[in-house]
Amino acid sequence: MPDSTDGESRRFLTVPSVDGTSVSGVQVNSMKTDQEIREDVNQELLWEPRIPEPAAIGTAVVDGAVTLTGHVSTYSEKLAAGDAAERVYGVRAVANELDVRLTDQRDDGDIARAIAHILEWNTNLPTSQVRAGVQLGTVTLEGTVDYLYQRDEVERMVRHVRGVTSVVNFIHVNPPASPARIEETISESLRRNAALDARSVRVEVSDHTALLYGHVHSIHEASVVRDAAASAPGVARVEDHLTITP
């Protein structure tokens, strides 16, 4: 019979012995405890080279949900900490509450000029259709692109500009494809991907929004599915309704 103690899920199986008889009531751990997950998250933060001071980051875990607190010196470090936590097996969700405390203050005008340059040099982006405004280190992105991956690419580039403390992305995607074709394209991409079992994922498209259903084994697998959906022509938004079952 199932049992649950101290945040750990266990199950009991009937296991055959060497002589062919069976032994019931063998206890098998099917999930990591919150404490084990917390220890692994801390180790992953230490392992992540993009975080120079992991000791400044506090971690808490409740029912597989990780909360990150404390402070970092750049916005990209904050995002790297969230990525590190999401990579840990057993993590179901991450709340990134890290505060960005810049050690190198930059004028909003300097930040805006740096962003204009990196957008201009990226051949994947229609730079004339994307605008960036900066106020007190917060970057607001506006404009129109043809693909969701372009919208995400702009945000990824801006995140790493020195002096940025947060990013608000209002870029609109204006896709041309039909819902049926979008569903087919995403499903084909998932079937080709070796990182997951596409049979456990269902894709629906409505009003150029890709709706993802089913179950995956980790946040990383969920990210793979989201990225595949975001790369499909005709997708303007992705809604993740996937269930994570480690």
C-alpha atoms as a PDB file:
ATOM      1  CA  MET A   1       0.000   0.000   0.000  1.00  0.00           C
ATOM      2  CA  PRO A   2       1.264   3.536  -0.704  1.00  0.00           C
ATOM      3  CA  ASP A   3       2.732   5.670   2.017  1.00  0.00           C
ATOM      4  CA  SER A   4       4.054   9.238   2.182  1.00  0.00           C
ATOM      5  CA  THR A   5       6.307  10.733   4.849  1.00  0.00           C
ATOM      6  CA  ASP A   6       8.540  13.811   5.091  1.00  0.00           C
ATOM      7  CA  GLY A   7       7.804  14.980   1.551  1.00  0.00           C
ATOM      8  CA  GLU A   8       8.901  11.645   0.084  1.00  0.00           C
ATOM      9  CA  SER A   9       6.638   9.373  -1.941  1.00  0.00           C
ATOM     10  CA  ARG A  10       7.148   5.619  -1.566  1.00  0.00           C
ATOM     11  CA  ARG A  11       5.510   2.521  -3.048  1.00  0.00           C
ATOM     12  CA  PHE A  12       5.527  -1.153  -2.099  1.00  0.00           C
ATOM     13  CA  LEU A  13       6.143  -3.879  -4.687  1.00  0.00           C
ATOM     14  CA  THR A  14       6.079  -7.640  -4.848  1.00  0.00           C
ATOM     15  CA  VAL A  15       9.583  -8.685  -5.911  1.00  0.00           C
ATOM     16  CA  PRO A  16      10.510 -12.261  -6.965  1.00  0.00           C
ATOM     17  CA  SER A  17      13.372 -13.820  -5.008  1.00  0.00           C
ATOM     18  CA  VAL A  18      16.178 -16.008  -6.362  1.00  0.00           C
ATOM     19  CA  ASP A  19      14.340 -19.258  -5.582  1.00  0.00           C
ATOM     20  CA  GLY A  20      11.215 -18.158  -7.465  1.00  0.00           C
ATOM     21  CA  THR A  21       9.130 -17.208  -4.423  1.00  0.00           C
ATOM     22  CA  SER A  22       7.961 -13.640  -3.949  1.00  0.00           C
ATOM     23  CA  VAL A  23       8.630 -11.174  -1.193  1.00  0.00           C
ATOM     24  CA  SER A  24       5.944  -8.523  -0.712  1.00  0.00           C
ATOM     25  CA  GLY A  25       6.275  -5.190   1.011  1.00  0.00           C
ATOM     26  CA  VAL A  26       9.634  -4.222  -0.504  1.00  0.00           C
ATOM     27  CA  GLN A  27       9.913  -0.443  -0.191  1.00  0.00           C
ATOM     28  CA  VAL A  28      11.154   1.483  -3.232  1.00  0.00           C
ATOM     29  CA  ASN A  29      11.792   5.227  -3.232  1.00  0.00           C
ATOM     30  CA  SER A  30       9.989   6.724  -6.229  1.00  0.00           C
ATOM     31  CA  MET A  31      10.754  10.382  -5.497  1.00  0.00           C
ATOM     32  CA  LYS A  32      13.469  12.467  -3.920  1.00  0.00           C
ATOM     33  CA  THR A  33      12.723  14.260  -0.652  1.00  0.00           C
ATOM     34  CA  ASP A  34      12.551  18.044  -0.571  1.00  0.00           C
ATOM     35  CA  GLN A  35      15.794  18.050   1.399  1.00  0.00           C
ATOM     36  CA  GLU A  36      17.536  15.937  -1.254  1.00  0.00           C
ATOM     37  CA  ILE A  37      16.258  18.243  -3.979  1.00  0.00           C
ATOM     38  CA  ARG A  38      17.483  21.291  -2.049  1.00  0.00           C
ATOM     39  CA  GLU A  39      20.946  19.765  -1.656  1.00  0.00           C
ATOM     40  CA  ASP A  40      21.095  18.984  -5.375  1.00  0.00           C
ATOM     41  CA  VAL A  41      19.964  22.510  -6.294  1.00  0.00           C
ATOM     42  CA  ASN A  42      22.702  23.976  -4.078  1.00  0.00           C
ATOM     43  CA  GLN A  43      25.279  21.738  -5.741  1.00  0.00           C
ATOM     44  CA  GLU A  44      24.016  22.741  -9.205  1.00  0.00           C
ATOM     45  CA  LEU A  45      24.348  26.423  -8.269  1.00  0.00           C
ATOM     46  CA  LEU A  46      27.939  25.764  -7.201  1.00  0.00           C
ATOM     47  CA  TRP A  47      28.547  23.945 -10.479  1.00  0.00           C
ATOM     48  CA  GLU A  48      27.122  26.734 -12.674  1.00  0.00           C
ATOM     49  CA  PRO A  49      30.060  28.871 -13.902  1.00  0.00           C
ATOM     50  CA  ARG A  50      27.793  31.848 -14.710  1.00  0.00           C
ATOM     51  CA  ILE A  51      27.155  32.354 -10.973  1.00  0.00           C
ATOM     52  CA  PRO A  52      30.330  33.722  -9.322  1.00  0.00           C
ATOM     53  CA  GLU A  53      28.846  33.917  -5.781  1.00  0.00           C
ATOM     54  CA  PRO A  54      26.389  31.032  -5.255  1.00  0.00           C
ATOM     55  CA  ALA A  55      26.626  31.491  -1.474  1.00  0.00           C
ATOM     56  CA  ALA A  56      24.549  34.664  -1.852  1.00  0.00           C
ATOM     57  CA  ILE A  57      21.592  32.595  -3.103  1.00  0.00           C
ATOM     58  CA  GLY A  58      19.154  31.020  -0.651  1.00  0.00           C
ATOM     59  CA  THR A  59      17.086  27.969  -1.568  1.00  0.00           C
ATOM     60  CA  ALA A  60      13.882  26.489  -0.187  1.00  0.00           C
ATOM     61  CA  VAL A  61      11.912  23.489  -1.448  1.00  0.00           C
ATOM     62  CA  VAL A  62       8.308  22.541  -0.690  1.00  0.00           C
ATOM     63  CA  ASP A  63       6.679  19.629  -2.536  1.00  0.00           C
ATOM     64  CA  GLY A  64       9.271  19.863  -5.303  1.00  0.00           C
ATOM     65  CA  ALA A  65       8.758  23.605  -5.841  1.00  0.00           C
ATOM     66  CA  VAL A  66      12.010  25.567  -5.477  1.00  0.00           C
ATOM     67  CA  THR A  67      12.197  29.190  -4.315  1.00  0.00           C
ATOM     68  CA  LEU A  68      15.390  31.163  -4.902  1.00  0.00           C
ATOM     69  CA  THR A  69      16.061  34.193  -2.689  1.00  0.00           C
ATOM     70  CA  GLY A  70      18.983  36.516  -2.043  1.00  0.00           C
ATOM     71  CA  HIS A  71      20.812  38.707  -4.536  1.00  0.00           C
ATOM     72  CA  VAL A  72      23.032  38.564  -7.622  1.00  0.00           C
ATOM     73  CA  SER A  73      25.036  41.241  -9.437  1.00  0.00           C
ATOM     74  CA  THR A  74      23.486  40.903 -12.933  1.00  0.00           C
ATOM     75  CA  TYR A  75      20.191  39.967 -14.527  1.00  0.00           C
ATOM     76  CA  SER A  76      21.872  37.178 -16.499  1.00  0.00           C
ATOM     77  CA  GLU A  77      23.098  35.634 -13.201  1.00  0.00           C
ATOM     78  CA  LYS A  78      19.511  35.644 -11.936  1.00  0.00           C
ATOM     79  CA  LEU A  79      18.361  33.758 -15.029  1.00  0.00           C
ATOM     80  CA  ALA A  80      21.326  31.345 -14.814  1.00  0.00           C
ATOM     81  CA  ALA A  81      20.319  30.482 -11.244  1.00  0.00           C
ATOM     82  CA  GLY A  82      16.791  29.715 -12.380  1.00  0.00           C
ATOM     83  CA  ASP A  83      18.114  27.537 -15.218  1.00  0.00           C
ATOM     84  CA  ALA A  84      20.353  25.647 -12.776  1.00  0.00           C
ATOM     85  CA  ALA A  85      17.442  24.894 -10.445  1.00  0.00           C
ATOM     86  CA  GLU A  86      15.255  23.717 -13.326  1.00  0.00           C
ATOM     87  CA  ARG A  87      17.907  21.208 -14.414  1.00  0.00           C
ATOM     88  CA  VAL A  88      17.722  19.281 -11.138  1.00  0.00           C
ATOM     89  CA  TYR A  89      15.784  16.024 -11.243  1.00  0.00           C
ATOM     90  CA  GLY A  90      12.667  16.121  -9.081  1.00  0.00           C
ATOM     91  CA  VAL A  91      12.088  19.872  -9.384  1.00  0.00           C
ATOM     92  CA  ARG A  92       8.511  20.615 -10.427  1.00  0.00           C
ATOM     93  CA  ALA A  93       8.569  24.432 -10.430  1.00  0.00           C
ATOM     94  CA  VAL A  94      10.949  27.316  -9.721  1.00  0.00           C
ATOM     95  CA  ALA A  95      10.071  30.700  -8.191  1.00  0.00           C
ATOM     96  CA  ASN A  96      12.985  33.041  -8.933  1.00  0.00           C
ATOM     97  CA  GLU A  97      12.798  35.826  -6.340  1.00  0.00           C
ATOM     98  CA  LEU A  98      16.449  36.866  -6.603  1.00  0.00           C
ATOM     99  CA  ASP A  99      17.157  40.585  -6.377  1.00  0.00           C
ATOM    100  CA  VAL A 100      19.529  42.125  -8.939  1.00  0.00           C
ATOM    101  CA  ARG A 101      22.021  44.479  -7.247  1.00  0.00           C
ATOM    102  CA  LEU A 102      24.189  45.992  -9.946  1.00  0.00           C
ATOM    103  CA  THR A 103      27.850  46.541  -9.105  1.00  0.00           C
ATOM    104  CA  ASP A 104      28.399  48.501 -12.330  1.00  0.00           C
ATOM    105  CA  GLN A 105      25.722  51.155 -12.788  1.00  0.00           C
ATOM    106  CA  ARG A 106      25.099  52.339 -16.353  1.00  0.00           C
ATOM    107  CA  ASP A 107      23.060  55.199 -17.730  1.00  0.00           C
ATOM    108  CA  ASP A 108      19.804  54.244 -19.485  1.00  0.00           C
ATOM    109  CA  GLY A 109      21.091  55.898 -22.644  1.00  0.00           C
ATOM    110  CA  ASP A 110      24.209  53.721 -22.633  1.00  0.00           C
ATOM    111  CA  ILE A 111      22.072  50.599 -22.197  1.00  0.00           C
ATOM    112  CA  ALA A 112      19.754  51.637 -25.042  1.00  0.00           C
ATOM    113  CA  ARG A 113      22.700  52.230 -27.392  1.00  0.00           C
ATOM    114  CA  ALA A 114      24.225  48.843 -26.516  1.00  0.00           C
ATOM    115  CA  ILE A 115      20.916  47.114 -27.245  1.00  0.00           C
ATOM    116  CA  ALA A 116      20.570  48.935 -30.579  1.00  0.00           C
ATOM    117  CA  HIS A 117      23.995  47.679 -31.626  1.00  0.00           C
ATOM    118  CA  ILE A 118      23.399  44.017 -30.757  1.00  0.00           C
ATOM    119  CA  LEU A 119      20.037  44.044 -32.544  1.00  0.00           C
ATOM    120  CA  GLU A 120      21.619  45.610 -35.615  1.00  0.00           C
ATOM    121  CA  TRP A 121      24.294  42.900 -35.852  1.00  0.00           C
ATOM    122  CA  ASN A 122      21.942  39.906 -35.486  1.00  0.00           C
ATOM    123  CA  THR A 123      21.039  38.538 -38.921  1.00  0.00           C
ATOM    124  CA  ASN A 124      18.101  36.504 -37.556  1.00  0.00           C
ATOM    125  CA  LEU A 125      16.123  39.585 -36.586  1.00  0.00           C
ATOM    126  CA  PRO A 126      14.145  42.176 -38.564  1.00  0.00           C
ATOM    127  CA  THR A 127      15.788  45.053 -36.672  1.00  0.00           C
ATOM    128  CA  SER A 128      13.661  47.762 -38.279  1.00  0.00           C
ATOM    129  CA  GLN A 129      10.567  46.150 -36.728  1.00  0.00           C
ATOM    130  CA  VAL A 130      11.843  45.883 -33.136  1.00  0.00           C
ATOM    131  CA  ARG A 131      12.139  48.747 -30.632  1.00  0.00           C
ATOM    132  CA  ALA A 132      13.639  48.849 -27.139  1.00  0.00           C
ATOM    133  CA  GLY A 133      13.028  51.409 -24.404  1.00  0.00           C
ATOM    134  CA  VAL A 134      15.005  51.622 -21.159  1.00  0.00           C
ATOM    135  CA  GLN A 135      13.954  53.127 -17.832  1.00  0.00           C
ATOM    136  CA  LEU A 136      15.981  52.615 -14.640  1.00  0.00           C
ATOM    137  CA  GLY A 137      17.530  49.444 -16.067  1.00  0.00           C
ATOM    138  CA  THR A 138      14.198  47.893 -17.105  1.00  0.00           C
ATOM    139  CA  VAL A 139      14.026  47.189 -20.845  1.00  0.00           C
ATOM    140  CA  THR A 140      10.672  47.237 -22.654  1.00  0.00           C
ATOM    141  CA  LEU A 141      10.607  45.510 -26.049  1.00  0.00           C
ATOM    142  CA  GLU A 142       8.004  46.343 -28.708  1.00  0.00           C
ATOM    143  CA  GLY A 143       7.443  45.693 -32.394  1.00  0.00           C
ATOM    144  CA  THR A 144       6.442  42.856 -34.732  1.00  0.00           C
ATOM    145  CA  VAL A 145       8.261  39.708 -35.916  1.00  0.00           C
ATOM    146  CA  ASP A 146       7.279  36.720 -38.051  1.00  0.00           C
ATOM    147  CA  TYR A 147       8.305  33.907 -35.666  1.00  0.00           C
ATOM    148  CA  LEU A 148       8.107  33.313 -31.934  1.00  0.00           C
ATOM    149  CA  TYR A 149      11.770  32.247 -31.861  1.00  0.00           C
ATOM    150  CA  GLN A 150      12.668  35.768 -33.090  1.00  0.00           C
ATOM    151  CA  ARG A 151      10.709  37.300 -30.220  1.00  0.00           C
ATOM    152  CA  ASP A 152      12.552  35.059 -27.763  1.00  0.00           C
ATOM    153  CA  GLU A 153      15.910  35.726 -29.446  1.00  0.00           C
ATOM    154  CA  VAL A 154      15.578  39.472 -28.895  1.00  0.00           C
ATOM    155  CA  GLU A 155      14.862  38.930 -25.204  1.00  0.00           C
ATOM    156  CA  ARG A 156      17.763  36.477 -24.787  1.00  0.00           C
ATOM    157  CA  MET A 157      20.188  38.991 -26.287  1.00  0.00           C
ATOM    158  CA  VAL A 158      18.968  41.902 -24.192  1.00  0.00           C
ATOM    159  CA  ARG A 159      19.161  39.921 -20.942  1.00  0.00           C
ATOM    160  CA  HIS A 160      22.955  39.881 -21.084  1.00  0.00           C
ATOM    161  CA  VAL A 161      23.512  43.597 -21.647  1.00  0.00           C
ATOM    162  CA  ARG A 162      25.368  45.133 -18.710  1.00  0.00           C
ATOM    163  CA  GLY A 163      23.117  47.332 -16.596  1.00  0.00           C
ATOM    164  CA  VAL A 164      19.833  45.550 -17.420  1.00  0.00           C
ATOM    165  CA  THR A 165      17.828  44.579 -14.329  1.00  0.00           C
ATOM    166  CA  SER A 166      14.660  43.204 -15.975  1.00  0.00           C
ATOM    167  CA  VAL A 167      13.008  42.741 -19.379  1.00  0.00           C
ATOM    168  CA  VAL A 168       9.376  43.260 -20.422  1.00  0.00           C
ATOM    169  CA  ASN A 169       8.625  41.721 -23.817  1.00  0.00           C
ATOM    170  CA  PHE A 170       5.663  43.182 -25.740  1.00  0.00           C
ATOM    171  CA  ILE A 171       6.881  42.078 -29.188  1.00  0.00           C
ATOM    172  CA  HIS A 172       3.978  40.793 -31.296  1.00  0.00           C
ATOM    173  CA  VAL A 173       4.245  37.731 -33.555  1.00  0.00           C
ATOM    174  CA  ASN A 174       2.360  37.934 -36.846  1.00  0.00           C
ATOM    175  CA  PRO A 175       2.381  34.346 -38.179  1.00  0.00           C
ATOM    176  CA  PRO A 176       0.978  33.120 -41.532  1.00  0.00           C
ATOM    177  CA  ALA A 177       0.356  29.360 -41.111  1.00  0.00           C
ATOM    178  CA  SER A 178      -2.924  27.440 -40.557  1.00  0.00           C
ATOM    179  CA  PRO A 179      -3.646  25.714 -37.178  1.00  0.00           C
ATOM    180  CA  ALA A 180      -3.725  22.200 -38.705  1.00  0.00           C
ATOM    181  CA  ARG A 181      -0.365  22.705 -40.386  1.00  0.00           C
ATOM    182  CA  ILE A 182       1.136  24.121 -37.173  1.00  0.00           C
ATOM    183  CA  GLU A 183      -0.004  21.080 -35.156  1.00  0.00           C
ATOM    184  CA  GLU A 184       1.480  18.721 -37.735  1.00  0.00           C
ATOM    185  CA  THR A 185       4.795  20.586 -37.830  1.00  0.00           C
ATOM    186  CA  ILE A 186       5.183  20.596 -34.028  1.00  0.00           C
ATOM    187  CA  SER A 187       4.244  16.909 -33.714  1.00  0.00           C
ATOM    188  CA  GLU A 188       6.795  15.958 -36.359  1.00  0.00           C
ATOM    189  CA  SER A 189       9.485  17.935 -34.529  1.00  0.00           C
ATOM    190  CA  LEU A 190       8.686  16.204 -31.221  1.00  0.00           C
ATOM    191  CA  ARG A 191       8.851  12.761 -32.832  1.00  0.00           C
ATOM    192  CA  ARG A 192      12.342  13.521 -34.159  1.00  0.00           C
ATOM    193  CA  ASN A 193      13.630  14.657 -30.765  1.00  0.00           C
ATOM    194  CA  ALA A 194      15.647  12.036 -28.874  1.00  0.00           C
ATOM    195  CA  ALA A 195      15.269  13.880 -25.561  1.00  0.00           C
ATOM    196  CA  LEU A 196      11.625  12.887 -24.975  1.00  0.00           C
ATOM    197  CA  ASP A 197       8.814  10.455 -25.716  1.00  0.00           C
ATOM    198  CA  ALA A 198       6.525  12.315 -28.104  1.00  0.00           C
ATOM    199  CA  ARG A 199       3.719   9.806 -27.507  1.00  0.00           C
ATOM    200  CA  SER A 200       3.102  11.339 -24.072  1.00  0.00           C
ATOM    201  CA  VAL A 201       2.612  14.867 -25.454  1.00  0.00           C
ATOM    202  CA  ARG A 202      -0.436  16.256 -27.264  1.00  0.00           C
ATOM    203  CA  VAL A 203      -0.437  19.525 -29.199  1.00  0.00           C
ATOM    204  CA  GLU A 204      -3.463  21.666 -30.032  1.00  0.00           C
ATOM    205  CA  VAL A 205      -3.409  24.994 -31.863  1.00  0.00           C
ATOM    206  CA  SER A 206      -6.025  27.701 -31.495  1.00  0.00           C
ATOM    207  CA  ASP A 207      -5.735  31.288 -32.712  1.00  0.00           C
ATOM    208  CA  HIS A 208      -1.985  30.786 -33.338  1.00  0.00           C
ATOM    209  CA  THR A 209      -1.477  29.627 -29.746  1.00  0.00           C
ATOM    210  CA  ALA A 210       0.149  26.204 -29.233  1.00  0.00           C
ATOM    211  CA  LEU A 211      -1.472  24.383 -26.290  1.00  0.00           C
ATOM    212  CA  LEU A 212       0.715  21.610 -24.822  1.00  0.00           C
ATOM    213  CA  TYR A 213      -0.816  18.688 -22.891  1.00  0.00           C
ATOM    214  CA  GLY A 214       0.444  15.388 -21.519  1.00  0.00           C
ATOM    215  CA  HIS A 215       3.303  14.489 -19.190  1.00  0.00           C
ATOM    216  CA  VAL A 216       7.090  14.737 -19.198  1.00  0.00           C
ATOM    217  CA  HIS A 217       9.742  13.624 -16.720  1.00  0.00           C
ATOM    218  CA  SER A 218      11.468  16.937 -15.937  1.00  0.00           C
ATOM    219  CA  ILE A 219      11.372  20.690 -16.378  1.00  0.00           C
ATOM    220  CA  HIS A 220      14.109  20.248 -18.978  1.00  0.00           C
ATOM    221  CA  GLU A 221      11.876  17.973 -21.087  1.00  0.00           C
ATOM    222  CA  ALA A 222       9.046  20.492 -20.762  1.00  0.00           C
ATOM    223  CA  SER A 223      11.436  23.171 -21.995  1.00  0.00           C
ATOM    224  CA  VAL A 224      12.338  21.004 -25.012  1.00  0.00           C
ATOM    225  CA  VAL A 225       8.651  20.690 -25.897  1.00  0.00           C
ATOM    226  CA  ARG A 226       8.060  24.440 -25.479  1.00  0.00           C
ATOM    227  CA  ASP A 227      11.074  25.269 -27.647  1.00  0.00           C
ATOM    228  CA  ALA A 228       9.864  22.923 -30.384  1.00  0.00           C
ATOM    229  CA  ALA A 229       6.436  24.556 -30.345  1.00  0.00           C
ATOM    230  CA  ALA A 230       7.922  28.061 -30.325  1.00  0.00           C
ATOM    231  CA  SER A 231      10.052  27.261 -33.384  1.00  0.00           C
ATOM    232  CA  ALA A 232       7.091  26.265 -35.547  1.00  0.00           C
ATOM    233  CA  PRO A 233       6.033  28.787 -38.187  1.00  0.00           C
ATOM    234  CA  GLY A 234       2.649  30.235 -37.305  1.00  0.00           C
ATOM    235  CA  VAL A 235       2.967  30.068 -33.502  1.00  0.00           C
ATOM    236  CA  ALA A 236       2.525  33.381 -31.700  1.00  0.00           C
ATOM    237  CA  ARG A 237       2.199  32.044 -28.141  1.00  0.00           C
ATOM    238  CA  VAL A 238       2.830  28.792 -26.245  1.00  0.00           C
ATOM    239  CA  GLU A 239       0.696  27.667 -23.287  1.00  0.00           C
ATOM    240  CA  ASP A 240       2.283  24.910 -21.224  1.00  0.00           C
ATOM    241  CA  HIS A 241      -0.245  22.573 -19.567  1.00  0.00           C
ATOM    242  CA  LEU A 242       2.261  19.697 -19.256  1.00  0.00           C
ATOM    243  CA  THR A 243       2.423  17.627 -16.078  1.00  0.00           C
ATOM    244  CA  ILE A 244       5.870  16.795 -14.699  1.00  0.00           C
ATOM    245  CA  THR A 245       6.075  13.255 -13.344  1.00  0.00           C
ATOM    246  CA  PRO A 246       9.700  12.374 -12.405  1.00  0.00           C
END
